Amino acid sequence: MSPLAKISSAFEPRFAEFAFEPAFTAAVDQHVAEIRDRLSAAHSGLFPPPPPRDVLTDYALGFLDALEEMDWREPVGHDYAVCRLTAISWLALRHDLLAADDEYGDPSSSANGLT
């Protein structure tokens, strides 16, 4: 399973909280904007392009590495990391980055649900 798929699997259920947690929704929206800005800094258009799958994956892996170094554990509520990981998940789903080739470049394994 790709890193983006793992993050989405873990944090997509948090999308349901958007309906009754406006502060969480706003925080995730800010994280989405920051990630987009960071990953498309050289883009000069009004709207940033969708993040390339490999770039978002590299970013996510770096963020996960930092969390591992801190020995981070997912809290019950919403901290910075939960908001950031939920934003990564939202970007991956919004731009259909999970439907792309799996991490090994084999489109048949992800398309057939094999991991």
N, C-alpha and C. Protein backbone atom coordinates (compact mmCIF):
# COMPACT_ATOMS: atom_id res chain seq x y z
N MET A 1 0.85 -1.17 0.00
CA MET A 1 0.00 0.00 0.00
C MET A 1 0.90 1.24 0.00
N SER A 2 0.56 2.21 -0.84
CA SER A 2 1.36 3.42 -0.94
C SER A 2 1.22 4.27 0.33
N PRO A 3 2.18 5.14 0.59
CA PRO A 3 2.07 6.02 1.76
C PRO A 3 0.80 6.89 1.73
N LEU A 4 0.44 7.39 0.55
CA LEU A 4 -0.78 8.21 0.46
C LEU A 4 -2.02 7.38 0.77
N ALA A 5 -2.03 6.14 0.31
CA ALA A 5 -3.17 5.26 0.60
C ALA A 5 -3.25 4.95 2.09
N LYS A 6 -2.10 4.75 2.74
CA LYS A 6 -2.10 4.49 4.18
C LYS A 6 -2.62 5.69 4.96
N ILE A 7 -2.15 6.88 4.59
CA ILE A 7 -2.60 8.09 5.27
C ILE A 7 -4.10 8.28 5.04
N SER A 8 -4.54 8.11 3.81
CA SER A 8 -5.97 8.28 3.51
C SER A 8 -6.82 7.26 4.24
N SER A 9 -6.34 6.05 4.32
CA SER A 9 -7.08 5.01 5.05
C SER A 9 -7.26 5.39 6.51
N ALA A 10 -6.24 5.98 7.09
CA ALA A 10 -6.29 6.34 8.50
C ALA A 10 -7.04 7.64 8.77
N PHE A 11 -6.97 8.61 7.85
CA PHE A 11 -7.49 9.93 8.16
C PHE A 11 -8.72 10.34 7.35
N GLU A 12 -9.09 9.60 6.33
CA GLU A 12 -10.33 9.88 5.61
C GLU A 12 -11.55 9.82 6.53
N PRO A 13 -11.61 8.90 7.50
CA PRO A 13 -12.77 8.89 8.40
C PRO A 13 -12.96 10.21 9.16
N ARG A 14 -11.90 10.99 9.31
CA ARG A 14 -12.00 12.28 9.99
C ARG A 14 -12.81 13.29 9.17
N PHE A 15 -13.00 13.05 7.88
CA PHE A 15 -13.79 13.95 7.05
C PHE A 15 -15.21 14.09 7.61
N ALA A 16 -15.72 13.05 8.23
CA ALA A 16 -17.07 13.10 8.81
C ALA A 16 -17.17 14.18 9.88
N GLU A 17 -16.05 14.49 10.53
CA GLU A 17 -16.03 15.51 11.58
C GLU A 17 -16.22 16.91 11.02
N PHE A 18 -16.02 17.10 9.72
CA PHE A 18 -16.19 18.41 9.11
C PHE A 18 -17.61 18.94 9.32
N ALA A 19 -18.59 18.03 9.36
CA ALA A 19 -19.99 18.43 9.48
C ALA A 19 -20.31 19.09 10.82
N PHE A 20 -19.58 18.72 11.86
CA PHE A 20 -19.92 19.26 13.19
C PHE A 20 -18.73 19.88 13.92
N GLU A 21 -17.61 20.02 13.26
CA GLU A 21 -16.42 20.63 13.86
C GLU A 21 -15.89 21.73 12.93
N PRO A 22 -16.54 22.91 12.93
CA PRO A 22 -16.11 23.96 12.00
C PRO A 22 -14.66 24.42 12.22
N ALA A 23 -14.18 24.40 13.44
CA ALA A 23 -12.80 24.81 13.69
C ALA A 23 -11.82 23.80 13.07
N PHE A 24 -12.15 22.52 13.15
CA PHE A 24 -11.32 21.49 12.54
C PHE A 24 -11.34 21.65 11.02
N THR A 25 -12.51 21.90 10.46
CA THR A 25 -12.65 22.11 9.02
C THR A 25 -11.78 23.28 8.56
N ALA A 26 -11.85 24.37 9.29
CA ALA A 26 -11.05 25.55 8.94
C ALA A 26 -9.56 25.27 9.06
N ALA A 27 -9.17 24.55 10.10
CA ALA A 27 -7.75 24.22 10.28
C ALA A 27 -7.24 23.34 9.14
N VAL A 28 -8.01 22.33 8.77
CA VAL A 28 -7.61 21.45 7.66
C VAL A 28 -7.53 22.25 6.37
N ASP A 29 -8.48 23.15 6.15
CA ASP A 29 -8.46 24.00 4.96
C ASP A 29 -7.18 24.82 4.90
N GLN A 30 -6.76 25.35 6.03
CA GLN A 30 -5.51 26.12 6.08
C GLN A 30 -4.30 25.22 5.79
N HIS A 31 -4.33 24.01 6.29
CA HIS A 31 -3.23 23.07 6.02
C HIS A 31 -3.19 22.70 4.53
N VAL A 32 -4.36 22.50 3.94
CA VAL A 32 -4.42 22.20 2.50
C VAL A 32 -3.79 23.35 1.72
N ALA A 33 -4.16 24.58 2.06
CA ALA A 33 -3.61 25.75 1.36
C ALA A 33 -2.10 25.84 1.54
N GLU A 34 -1.63 25.59 2.74
CA GLU A 34 -0.19 25.67 2.99
C GLU A 34 0.58 24.59 2.23
N ILE A 35 0.04 23.38 2.22
CA ILE A 35 0.70 22.29 1.48
C ILE A 35 0.73 22.62 -0.01
N ARG A 36 -0.40 23.08 -0.55
CA ARG A 36 -0.45 23.46 -1.97
C ARG A 36 0.58 24.53 -2.28
N ASP A 37 0.64 25.56 -1.43
CA ASP A 37 1.62 26.63 -1.64
C ASP A 37 3.04 26.10 -1.59
N ARG A 38 3.31 25.26 -0.63
CA ARG A 38 4.65 24.73 -0.45
C ARG A 38 5.07 23.85 -1.63
N LEU A 39 4.14 23.05 -2.14
CA LEU A 39 4.48 22.11 -3.20
C LEU A 39 4.45 22.74 -4.59
N SER A 40 3.85 23.91 -4.71
CA SER A 40 3.80 24.56 -6.03
C SER A 40 4.35 25.98 -5.94
N ALA A 41 5.39 26.18 -5.18
CA ALA A 41 5.96 27.51 -4.96
C ALA A 41 6.39 28.18 -6.25
N ALA A 42 6.82 27.42 -7.23
CA ALA A 42 7.29 28.01 -8.49
C ALA A 42 6.14 28.34 -9.44
N HIS A 43 4.93 27.94 -9.11
CA HIS A 43 3.78 28.18 -9.98
C HIS A 43 3.33 29.63 -9.84
N SER A 44 3.12 30.29 -10.97
CA SER A 44 2.77 31.71 -10.93
C SER A 44 1.29 31.98 -11.17
N GLY A 45 0.49 30.98 -11.39
CA GLY A 45 -0.93 31.18 -11.67
C GLY A 45 -1.72 31.53 -10.43
N LEU A 46 -2.96 31.93 -10.65
CA LEU A 46 -3.84 32.30 -9.54
C LEU A 46 -4.20 31.09 -8.69
N PHE A 47 -4.46 29.96 -9.34
CA PHE A 47 -4.82 28.74 -8.63
C PHE A 47 -3.69 27.73 -8.77
N PRO A 48 -3.22 27.16 -7.66
CA PRO A 48 -2.14 26.18 -7.76
C PRO A 48 -2.62 24.92 -8.45
N PRO A 49 -1.73 24.28 -9.20
CA PRO A 49 -2.11 23.04 -9.87
C PRO A 49 -2.24 21.91 -8.85
N PRO A 50 -2.88 20.81 -9.23
CA PRO A 50 -2.90 19.65 -8.32
C PRO A 50 -1.48 19.21 -8.02
N PRO A 51 -1.23 18.78 -6.80
CA PRO A 51 0.13 18.34 -6.49
C PRO A 51 0.45 17.05 -7.24
N PRO A 52 1.65 16.96 -7.80
CA PRO A 52 2.04 15.69 -8.42
C PRO A 52 2.08 14.60 -7.34
N ARG A 53 1.65 13.42 -7.71
CA ARG A 53 1.57 12.31 -6.76
C ARG A 53 2.90 12.05 -6.07
N ASP A 54 3.98 12.03 -6.84
CA ASP A 54 5.28 11.72 -6.25
C ASP A 54 5.76 12.82 -5.30
N VAL A 55 5.43 14.06 -5.62
CA VAL A 55 5.82 15.18 -4.76
C VAL A 55 5.04 15.14 -3.45
N LEU A 56 3.72 14.91 -3.54
CA LEU A 56 2.92 14.82 -2.31
C LEU A 56 3.35 13.60 -1.49
N THR A 57 3.68 12.51 -2.15
CA THR A 57 4.15 11.32 -1.44
C THR A 57 5.45 11.60 -0.70
N ASP A 58 6.38 12.26 -1.37
CA ASP A 58 7.66 12.60 -0.72
C ASP A 58 7.42 13.51 0.48
N TYR A 59 6.55 14.48 0.31
CA TYR A 59 6.23 15.39 1.41
C TYR A 59 5.63 14.60 2.59
N ALA A 60 4.68 13.74 2.28
CA ALA A 60 4.02 12.94 3.32
C ALA A 60 5.02 12.04 4.04
N LEU A 61 5.91 11.43 3.29
CA LEU A 61 6.92 10.56 3.92
C LEU A 61 7.84 11.36 4.85
N GLY A 62 8.24 12.55 4.43
CA GLY A 62 9.06 13.40 5.29
C GLY A 62 8.32 13.80 6.56
N PHE A 63 7.03 14.12 6.42
CA PHE A 63 6.24 14.49 7.58
C PHE A 63 6.08 13.30 8.53
N LEU A 64 5.81 12.12 7.97
CA LEU A 64 5.69 10.92 8.80
C LEU A 64 7.00 10.58 9.51
N ASP A 65 8.11 10.78 8.82
CA ASP A 65 9.42 10.55 9.45
C ASP A 65 9.61 11.47 10.65
N ALA A 66 9.24 12.74 10.49
CA ALA A 66 9.37 13.70 11.59
C ALA A 66 8.49 13.29 12.76
N LEU A 67 7.27 12.82 12.47
CA LEU A 67 6.37 12.38 13.55
C LEU A 67 6.94 11.17 14.26
N GLU A 68 7.55 10.26 13.50
CA GLU A 68 8.14 9.07 14.10
C GLU A 68 9.30 9.44 15.02
N GLU A 69 10.11 10.39 14.59
CA GLU A 69 11.23 10.85 15.43
C GLU A 69 10.73 11.45 16.75
N MET A 70 9.56 12.08 16.70
CA MET A 70 8.98 12.69 17.91
C MET A 70 8.19 11.67 18.73
N ASP A 71 8.06 10.45 18.22
CA ASP A 71 7.26 9.41 18.86
C ASP A 71 5.81 9.88 19.04
N TRP A 72 5.28 10.51 17.98
CA TRP A 72 3.92 11.05 17.99
C TRP A 72 2.90 9.93 17.98
N ARG A 73 1.85 10.11 18.73
CA ARG A 73 0.70 9.19 18.75
C ARG A 73 -0.55 10.01 18.47
N GLU A 74 -1.44 9.47 17.66
CA GLU A 74 -2.65 10.20 17.30
C GLU A 74 -3.51 10.45 18.52
N PRO A 75 -3.83 11.71 18.77
CA PRO A 75 -4.67 12.03 19.93
C PRO A 75 -6.15 11.82 19.61
N VAL A 76 -6.96 11.91 20.62
CA VAL A 76 -8.40 11.82 20.44
C VAL A 76 -8.91 13.04 19.67
N GLY A 77 -8.39 14.20 19.98
CA GLY A 77 -8.82 15.44 19.34
C GLY A 77 -8.02 15.75 18.09
N HIS A 78 -7.80 17.05 17.90
CA HIS A 78 -7.12 17.51 16.70
C HIS A 78 -5.88 18.30 17.09
N ASP A 79 -4.73 17.80 16.72
CA ASP A 79 -3.51 18.57 16.90
C ASP A 79 -2.99 18.93 15.50
N TYR A 80 -1.84 19.59 15.46
CA TYR A 80 -1.25 20.01 14.20
C TYR A 80 -1.08 18.82 13.26
N ALA A 81 -0.57 17.73 13.75
CA ALA A 81 -0.29 16.56 12.90
C ALA A 81 -1.58 15.96 12.35
N VAL A 82 -2.61 15.87 13.15
CA VAL A 82 -3.90 15.34 12.66
C VAL A 82 -4.43 16.23 11.54
N CYS A 83 -4.35 17.53 11.74
CA CYS A 83 -4.83 18.45 10.70
C CYS A 83 -4.00 18.30 9.42
N ARG A 84 -2.68 18.18 9.56
CA ARG A 84 -1.80 18.06 8.40
C ARG A 84 -2.04 16.75 7.68
N LEU A 85 -2.17 15.65 8.41
CA LEU A 85 -2.40 14.35 7.78
C LEU A 85 -3.79 14.27 7.14
N THR A 86 -4.76 14.90 7.75
CA THR A 86 -6.10 14.95 7.16
C THR A 86 -6.06 15.77 5.87
N ALA A 87 -5.28 16.85 5.87
CA ALA A 87 -5.13 17.66 4.66
C ALA A 87 -4.44 16.88 3.54
N ILE A 88 -3.43 16.12 3.88
CA ILE A 88 -2.75 15.28 2.88
C ILE A 88 -3.74 14.28 2.31
N SER A 89 -4.54 13.69 3.17
CA SER A 89 -5.55 12.73 2.73
C SER A 89 -6.57 13.40 1.81
N TRP A 90 -7.00 14.60 2.19
CA TRP A 90 -7.98 15.33 1.38
C TRP A 90 -7.41 15.64 -0.01
N LEU A 91 -6.16 16.10 -0.05
CA LEU A 91 -5.53 16.40 -1.34
C LEU A 91 -5.41 15.14 -2.20
N ALA A 92 -5.02 14.04 -1.61
CA ALA A 92 -4.88 12.80 -2.36
C ALA A 92 -6.21 12.35 -2.94
N LEU A 93 -7.27 12.46 -2.16
CA LEU A 93 -8.59 12.05 -2.64
C LEU A 93 -9.17 13.06 -3.62
N ARG A 94 -9.02 14.34 -3.34
CA ARG A 94 -9.57 15.40 -4.19
C ARG A 94 -8.99 15.35 -5.60
N HIS A 95 -7.71 15.04 -5.69
CA HIS A 95 -7.03 15.03 -6.98
C HIS A 95 -6.84 13.62 -7.53
N ASP A 96 -7.54 12.67 -6.95
CA ASP A 96 -7.56 11.29 -7.43
C ASP A 96 -6.15 10.70 -7.55
N LEU A 97 -5.32 11.00 -6.55
CA LEU A 97 -3.95 10.52 -6.57
C LEU A 97 -3.82 9.08 -6.08
N LEU A 98 -4.87 8.57 -5.49
CA LEU A 98 -4.83 7.18 -5.02
C LEU A 98 -5.12 6.20 -6.14
N ALA A 99 -5.72 6.68 -7.22
CA ALA A 99 -6.05 5.81 -8.35
C ALA A 99 -4.86 5.62 -9.28
N ALA A 100 -3.79 6.38 -9.05
CA ALA A 100 -2.59 6.27 -9.88
C ALA A 100 -1.87 4.95 -9.59
N ASP A 101 -0.79 4.73 -10.28
CA ASP A 101 0.00 3.51 -10.07
C ASP A 101 0.36 3.36 -8.61
N ASP A 102 0.51 2.11 -8.16
CA ASP A 102 0.94 1.88 -6.79
C ASP A 102 2.41 2.27 -6.63
N GLU A 103 2.95 2.17 -5.45
CA GLU A 103 4.31 2.63 -5.17
C GLU A 103 5.37 1.89 -5.97
N TYR A 104 5.03 0.75 -6.52
CA TYR A 104 5.98 -0.02 -7.31
C TYR A 104 5.80 0.19 -8.80
N GLY A 105 4.89 1.11 -9.17
CA GLY A 105 4.69 1.40 -10.57
C GLY A 105 3.86 0.37 -11.30
N ASP A 106 3.15 -0.47 -10.59
CA ASP A 106 2.34 -1.51 -11.20
C ASP A 106 0.87 -1.13 -11.07
N PRO A 107 0.27 -0.57 -12.14
CA PRO A 107 -1.12 -0.13 -12.03
C PRO A 107 -2.09 -1.27 -11.79
N SER A 108 -1.73 -2.49 -12.18
CA SER A 108 -2.67 -3.60 -12.03
C SER A 108 -2.84 -4.00 -10.58
N SER A 109 -1.82 -3.85 -9.76
CA SER A 109 -1.95 -4.30 -8.37
C SER A 109 -2.88 -3.38 -7.58
N SER A 110 -2.81 -2.07 -7.81
CA SER A 110 -3.71 -1.18 -7.08
C SER A 110 -5.11 -1.23 -7.67
N ALA A 111 -5.22 -1.40 -8.97
CA ALA A 111 -6.53 -1.45 -9.60
C ALA A 111 -7.30 -2.70 -9.18
N ASN A 112 -6.61 -3.77 -8.91
CA ASN A 112 -7.27 -5.02 -8.51
C ASN A 112 -7.41 -5.15 -7.01
N GLY A 113 -6.95 -4.12 -6.28
CA GLY A 113 -7.07 -4.18 -4.83
C GLY A 113 -6.01 -5.03 -4.18
N LEU A 114 -4.99 -5.45 -4.91
CA LEU A 114 -3.92 -6.25 -4.35
C LEU A 114 -2.86 -5.35 -3.76
N THR A 115 -2.41 -5.69 -2.58
CA THR A 115 -1.35 -4.89 -1.97
C THR A 115 -0.26 -5.80 -1.46
